[in-house]
C-alpha atoms as a PDB file:
ATOM      1  CA  MET A   1      22.473  17.127 -14.535  1.00  0.00           C
ATOM      2  CA  ARG A   2      19.486  18.876 -14.419  1.00  0.00           C
ATOM      3  CA  ILE A   3      18.026  20.743 -11.584  1.00  0.00           C
ATOM      4  CA  ILE A   4      14.321  20.789 -10.628  1.00  0.00           C
ATOM      5  CA  ALA A   5      13.106  23.132  -8.343  1.00  0.00           C
ATOM      6  CA  LEU A   6       9.548  22.867  -6.798  1.00  0.00           C
ATOM      7  CA  ASP A   7       8.074  25.447  -5.169  1.00  0.00           C
ATOM      8  CA  VAL A   8       5.425  23.441  -3.188  1.00  0.00           C
ATOM      9  CA  HIS A   9       2.172  24.271  -2.007  1.00  0.00           C
ATOM     10  CA  ARG A  10      -0.885  21.957  -0.551  1.00  0.00           C
ATOM     11  CA  SER A  11      -2.190  20.847  -3.733  1.00  0.00           C
ATOM     12  CA  PHE A  12       0.151  21.804  -6.544  1.00  0.00           C
ATOM     13  CA  ALA A  13       3.655  22.798  -7.105  1.00  0.00           C
ATOM     14  CA  GLN A  14       5.196  25.002  -9.025  1.00  0.00           C
ATOM     15  CA  MET A  15       8.492  23.637 -11.164  1.00  0.00           C
ATOM     16  CA  ALA A  16      11.717  25.140 -12.763  1.00  0.00           C
ATOM     17  CA  ILE A  17      14.329  23.087 -14.336  1.00  0.00           C
ATOM     18  CA  LEU A  18      18.049  24.507 -14.519  1.00  0.00           C
ATOM     19  CA  GLU A  19      19.860  22.463 -17.347  1.00  0.00           C
ATOM     20  CA  LYS A  20      23.076  23.697 -18.830  1.00  0.00           C
ATOM     21  CA  GLY A  21      22.911  27.396 -16.895  1.00  0.00           C
ATOM     22  CA  ILE A  22      19.644  27.858 -18.792  1.00  0.00           C
ATOM     23  CA  ILE A  23      16.398  27.960 -16.247  1.00  0.00           C
ATOM     24  CA  ARG A  24      13.082  27.637 -17.542  1.00  0.00           C
ATOM     25  CA  ASP A  25       9.629  27.637 -16.262  1.00  0.00           C
ATOM     26  CA  ALA A  26       7.944  23.702 -16.288  1.00  0.00           C
ATOM     27  CA  GLY A  27       4.833  24.549 -15.379  1.00  0.00           C
ATOM     28  CA  LYS A  28       2.401  23.147 -12.600  1.00  0.00           C
ATOM     29  CA  ILE A  29       2.318  19.642 -11.188  1.00  0.00           C
ATOM     30  CA  ASP A  30      -0.776  18.620  -9.016  1.00  0.00           C
ATOM     31  CA  LEU A  31       0.708  16.871  -5.531  1.00  0.00           C
ATOM     32  CA  GLU A  32      -1.777  13.533  -6.416  1.00  0.00           C
ATOM     33  CA  ARG A  33       0.189  10.621  -5.424  1.00  0.00           C
ATOM     34  CA  SER A  34      -0.368   9.176  -9.323  1.00  0.00           C
ATOM     35  CA  ARG A  35       0.252  12.264 -10.968  1.00  0.00           C
ATOM     36  CA  LEU A  36       3.508  12.855  -9.003  1.00  0.00           C
ATOM     37  CA  LEU A  37       4.671   9.226  -9.695  1.00  0.00           C
ATOM     38  CA  HIS A  38       3.715   9.824 -13.182  1.00  0.00           C
ATOM     39  CA  PHE A  39       6.233  12.848 -13.425  1.00  0.00           C
ATOM     40  CA  ALA A  40       8.632  11.154 -11.174  1.00  0.00           C
ATOM     41  CA  LYS A  41       9.005   8.524 -13.751  1.00  0.00           C
ATOM     42  CA  THR A  42      10.093  11.229 -16.418  1.00  0.00           C
ATOM     43  CA  LEU A  43      13.375  12.282 -14.321  1.00  0.00           C
ATOM     44  CA  LYS A  44      16.488  10.894 -15.273  1.00  0.00           C
ATOM     45  CA  PRO A  45      18.932   9.132 -12.625  1.00  0.00           C
ATOM     46  CA  ASP A  46      21.045  12.055 -12.480  1.00  0.00           C
ATOM     47  CA  ASP A  47      18.499  14.703 -11.811  1.00  0.00           C
ATOM     48  CA  GLU A  48      18.416  16.814  -8.179  1.00  0.00           C
ATOM     49  CA  VAL A  49      14.973  17.883  -7.064  1.00  0.00           C
ATOM     50  CA  VAL A  50      14.715  20.880  -4.562  1.00  0.00           C
ATOM     51  CA  LEU A  51      12.117  21.679  -2.511  1.00  0.00           C
ATOM     52  CA  GLU A  52      11.114  23.722   0.675  1.00  0.00           C
ATOM     53  CA  ALA A  53      10.101  21.783   4.005  1.00  0.00           C
ATOM     54  CA  THR A  54       6.690  22.124   4.334  1.00  0.00           C
ATOM     55  CA  GLY A  55       3.901  19.716   5.405  1.00  0.00           C
ATOM     56  CA  ASN A  56       3.755  17.410   2.691  1.00  0.00           C
ATOM     57  CA  THR A  57       7.539  17.532   2.179  1.00  0.00           C
ATOM     58  CA  SER A  58       8.158  13.699   3.487  1.00  0.00           C
ATOM     59  CA  ALA A  59       5.765  12.147   1.407  1.00  0.00           C
ATOM     60  CA  ILE A  60       7.250  14.163  -1.653  1.00  0.00           C
ATOM     61  CA  VAL A  61      10.724  13.191  -0.943  1.00  0.00           C
ATOM     62  CA  ARG A  62      10.105   9.640  -0.541  1.00  0.00           C
ATOM     63  CA  LEU A  63       8.036   9.269  -3.701  1.00  0.00           C
ATOM     64  CA  LEU A  64      10.999  10.819  -5.884  1.00  0.00           C
ATOM     65  CA  SER A  65      13.659   9.898  -3.985  1.00  0.00           C
ATOM     66  CA  PRO A  66      13.918   6.234  -6.057  1.00  0.00           C
ATOM     67  CA  PHE A  67      13.945   8.216  -9.172  1.00  0.00           C
ATOM     68  CA  VAL A  68      16.777  10.761  -9.011  1.00  0.00           C
ATOM     69  CA  ALA A  69      20.343  11.185  -7.585  1.00  0.00           C
ATOM     70  CA  ARG A  70      19.035  13.283  -5.003  1.00  0.00           C
ATOM     71  CA  VAL A  71      16.268  15.202  -3.059  1.00  0.00           C
ATOM     72  CA  VAL A  72      17.176  18.230  -1.578  1.00  0.00           C
ATOM     73  CA  ILE A  73      14.948  19.770   1.333  1.00  0.00           C
ATOM     74  CA  ALA A  74      15.634  23.615   1.529  1.00  0.00           C
ATOM     75  CA  ASN A  75      14.938  25.329   4.952  1.00  0.00           C
ATOM     76  CA  PRO A  76      12.018  27.672   4.161  1.00  0.00           C
ATOM     77  CA  ASN A  77      13.176  30.427   6.751  1.00  0.00           C
ATOM     78  CA  LEU A  78      16.683  30.453   5.392  1.00  0.00           C
ATOM     79  CA  VAL A  79      15.995  30.469   1.985  1.00  0.00           C
ATOM     80  CA  ARG A  80      13.245  33.779   2.436  1.00  0.00           C
ATOM     81  CA  ALA A  81      16.277  35.411   4.217  1.00  0.00           C
ATOM     82  CA  ILE A  82      18.613  34.819   1.634  1.00  0.00           C
ATOM     83  CA  ALA A  83      16.440  35.343  -1.629  1.00  0.00           C
ATOM     84  CA  TRP A  84      14.198  38.350  -0.037  1.00  0.00           C
ATOM     85  CA  ALA A  85      12.712  39.937  -3.024  1.00  0.00           C
ATOM     86  CA  LYS A  86      10.015  42.775  -4.013  1.00  0.00           C
ATOM     87  CA  VAL A  87       8.354  40.632  -6.458  1.00  0.00           C
ATOM     88  CA  LYS A  88       7.413  37.623  -5.163  1.00  0.00           C
ATOM     89  CA  THR A  89       5.536  34.784  -7.019  1.00  0.00           C
ATOM     90  CA  ASP A  90       5.612  30.803  -7.390  1.00  0.00           C
ATOM     91  CA  LYS A  91       7.411  30.855 -10.555  1.00  0.00           C
ATOM     92  CA  ILE A  92       9.915  33.266  -9.229  1.00  0.00           C
ATOM     93  CA  ASP A  93      10.142  31.287  -6.116  1.00  0.00           C
ATOM     94  CA  ALA A  94      10.911  28.266  -8.012  1.00  0.00           C
ATOM     95  CA  ARG A  95      13.788  29.823 -10.187  1.00  0.00           C
ATOM     96  CA  VAL A  96      15.213  30.895  -6.856  1.00  0.00           C
ATOM     97  CA  LEU A  97      15.421  27.601  -5.377  1.00  0.00           C
ATOM     98  CA  ALA A  98      17.086  26.174  -8.421  1.00  0.00           C
ATOM     99  CA  LYS A  99      19.781  28.916  -8.859  1.00  0.00           C
ATOM    100  CA  LEU A 100      20.725  28.534  -4.609  1.00  0.00           C
ATOM    101  CA  HIS A 101      21.068  25.340  -5.041  1.00  0.00           C
ATOM    102  CA  ALA A 102      23.175  25.490  -8.411  1.00  0.00           C
ATOM    103  CA  GLY A 103      25.362  28.098  -6.529  1.00  0.00           C
ATOM    104  CA  GLY A 104      25.713  26.132  -3.493  1.00  0.00           C
ATOM    105  CA  PHE A 105      24.045  28.475  -1.335  1.00  0.00           C
ATOM    106  CA  LEU A 106      20.816  26.423  -0.563  1.00  0.00           C
ATOM    107  CA  PRO A 107      20.696  25.882   3.627  1.00  0.00           C
ATOM    108  CA  GLU A 108      19.246  22.233   3.359  1.00  0.00           C
ATOM    109  CA  VAL A 109      17.714  20.476   6.351  1.00  0.00           C
ATOM    110  CA  TRP A 110      17.660  16.909   7.526  1.00  0.00           C
ATOM    111  CA  MET A 111      14.441  14.452   6.818  1.00  0.00           C
ATOM    112  CA  PRO A 112      14.221  12.018   9.560  1.00  0.00           C
ATOM    113  CA  ASP A 113      13.925   8.313   8.185  1.00  0.00           C
ATOM    114  CA  GLU A 114      10.218   6.496   8.379  1.00  0.00           C
ATOM    115  CA  GLU A 115      11.036   4.622  11.787  1.00  0.00           C
ATOM    116  CA  THR A 116      12.045   7.756  13.184  1.00  0.00           C
ATOM    117  CA  GLU A 117       9.221   9.886  12.296  1.00  0.00           C
ATOM    118  CA  ALA A 118       6.788   7.168  13.105  1.00  0.00           C
ATOM    119  CA  ARG A 119       8.354   7.425  16.686  1.00  0.00           C
ATOM    120  CA  ARG A 120       8.081  11.230  16.763  1.00  0.00           C
ATOM    121  CA  ARG A 121       4.088  10.678  15.574  1.00  0.00           C
ATOM    122  CA  ILE A 122       3.806   8.264  18.687  1.00  0.00           C
ATOM    123  CA  THR A 123       5.760  10.627  21.027  1.00  0.00           C
ATOM    124  CA  ALA A 124       3.755  13.591  19.912  1.00  0.00           C
ATOM    125  CA  GLU A 125       0.516  11.438  20.288  1.00  0.00           C
ATOM    126  CA  ARG A 126       1.107  10.337  23.735  1.00  0.00           C
ATOM    127  CA  THR A 127       2.085  13.903  24.794  1.00  0.00           C
ATOM    128  CA  GLN A 128      -0.989  15.200  23.351  1.00  0.00           C
ATOM    129  CA  LEU A 129      -3.044  12.231  25.786  1.00  0.00           C
ATOM    130  CA  VAL A 130      -1.172  13.330  28.919  1.00  0.00           C
ATOM    131  CA  ALA A 131      -1.861  16.731  28.356  1.00  0.00           C
ATOM    132  CA  GLN A 132      -5.524  16.075  27.702  1.00  0.00           C
ATOM    133  CA  MET A 133      -6.093  13.713  31.149  1.00  0.00           C
ATOM    134  CA  SER A 134      -4.000  16.389  33.028  1.00  0.00           C
ATOM    135  CA  ARG A 135      -6.753  19.123  31.875  1.00  0.00           C
ATOM    136  CA  LEU A 136      -9.652  16.511  32.588  1.00  0.00           C
ATOM    137  CA  LYS A 137      -8.273  16.195  36.159  1.00  0.00           C
ATOM    138  CA  ASN A 138      -8.010  19.584  36.786  1.00  0.00           C
ATOM    139  CA  ARG A 139     -11.312  20.189  35.499  1.00  0.00           C
ATOM    140  CA  ILE A 140     -12.551  17.510  37.721  1.00  0.00           C
ATOM    141  CA  HIS A 141     -10.956  19.162  41.013  1.00  0.00           C
ATOM    142  CA  ALA A 142     -12.406  22.867  39.661  1.00  0.00           C
ATOM    143  CA  LEU A 143     -16.030  21.363  39.595  1.00  0.00           C
ATOM    144  CA  LEU A 144     -15.377  19.821  43.052  1.00  0.00           C
ATOM    145  CA  HIS A 145     -13.749  22.721  44.811  1.00  0.00           C
ATOM    146  CA  ALA A 146     -16.736  24.781  42.970  1.00  0.00           C
ATOM    147  CA  HIS A 147     -19.287  22.716  44.842  1.00  0.00           C
ATOM    148  CA  LEU A 148     -17.997  22.587  48.138  1.00  0.00           C
ATOM    149  CA  VAL A 149     -16.808  19.315  47.985  1.00  0.00           C
ATOM    150  CA  PRO A 150     -13.820  18.577  50.234  1.00  0.00           C
ATOM    151  CA  PRO A 151     -10.282  17.257  49.380  1.00  0.00           C
ATOM    152  CA  TYR A 152     -10.057  13.786  48.680  1.00  0.00           C
ATOM    153  CA  GLN A 153      -7.678  12.445  51.290  1.00  0.00           C
ATOM    154  CA  GLY A 154      -5.606  10.029  48.702  1.00  0.00           C
ATOM    155  CA  SER A 155      -5.170   9.758  45.081  1.00  0.00           C
ATOM    156  CA  LEU A 156      -8.443  10.773  43.831  1.00  0.00           C
ATOM    157  CA  PHE A 157      -7.765   8.946  40.126  1.00  0.00           C
ATOM    158  CA  SER A 158      -6.391   5.970  41.528  1.00  0.00           C
ATOM    159  CA  GLN A 159      -8.726   2.581  41.443  1.00  0.00           C
ATOM    160  CA  ARG A 160      -9.361   3.155  45.249  1.00  0.00           C
ATOM    161  CA  GLY A 161     -10.028   6.816  44.368  1.00  0.00           C
ATOM    162  CA  ARG A 162     -12.750   6.301  41.844  1.00  0.00           C
ATOM    163  CA  TRP A 163     -14.523   4.093  43.972  1.00  0.00           C
ATOM    164  CA  GLY A 164     -15.008   6.537  46.435  1.00  0.00           C
ATOM    165  CA  PRO A 165     -14.429   6.068  50.491  1.00  0.00           C
ATOM    166  CA  SER A 166     -18.039   4.342  51.113  1.00  0.00           C
ATOM    167  CA  ARG A 167     -17.862   1.889  48.191  1.00  0.00           C
ATOM    168  CA  ALA A 168     -14.202   0.740  47.674  1.00  0.00           C
ATOM    169  CA  PRO A 169     -13.896  -2.790  48.069  1.00  0.00           C
ATOM    170  CA  GLY A 170     -12.394  -4.237  51.365  1.00  0.00           C
ATOM    171  CA  ILE A 171     -12.528  -0.444  52.823  1.00  0.00           C
ATOM    172  CA  SER A 172     -14.945   0.176  55.570  1.00  0.00           C
ATOM    173  CA  ALA A 173     -16.962   3.738  55.775  1.00  0.00           C
ATOM    174  CA  GLY A 174     -15.364   4.279  59.021  1.00  0.00           C
END
């Protein structure tokens, strides 16, 4: 079994391979789908891939998982605490990941399945929309207040409130 460690960045990953107790630098790989897929095809079914959790981790994991025995996602905060070093390079970081995994000291994180990730994205988007609506409503209230417009005696943002008391259908201006 080989341990392939990837120190992942935005556009590339530095690789280190631990095999039979010997660790070696394996160069860099561009994080483009076609190149990563080409790399994945060179992996063996009993290999284990290790990488830290970053913004593009889920895409990398989903791409590599069918080709290897296991893809391990490391908690970057805990890895940093365990492997504190004065000299820090991409090559050293990749080697440290491989060694920590081989020694059983790698703090792992769980990756959600695609359905859970989709639900999280939808929930986050809804939360942002609700916050944006609240900000806009508060701005409108502030503008009305700044121009000495008296508060509306109802729900300003209901259908009735948007029409206004003098134009709402079926309501007299009374």
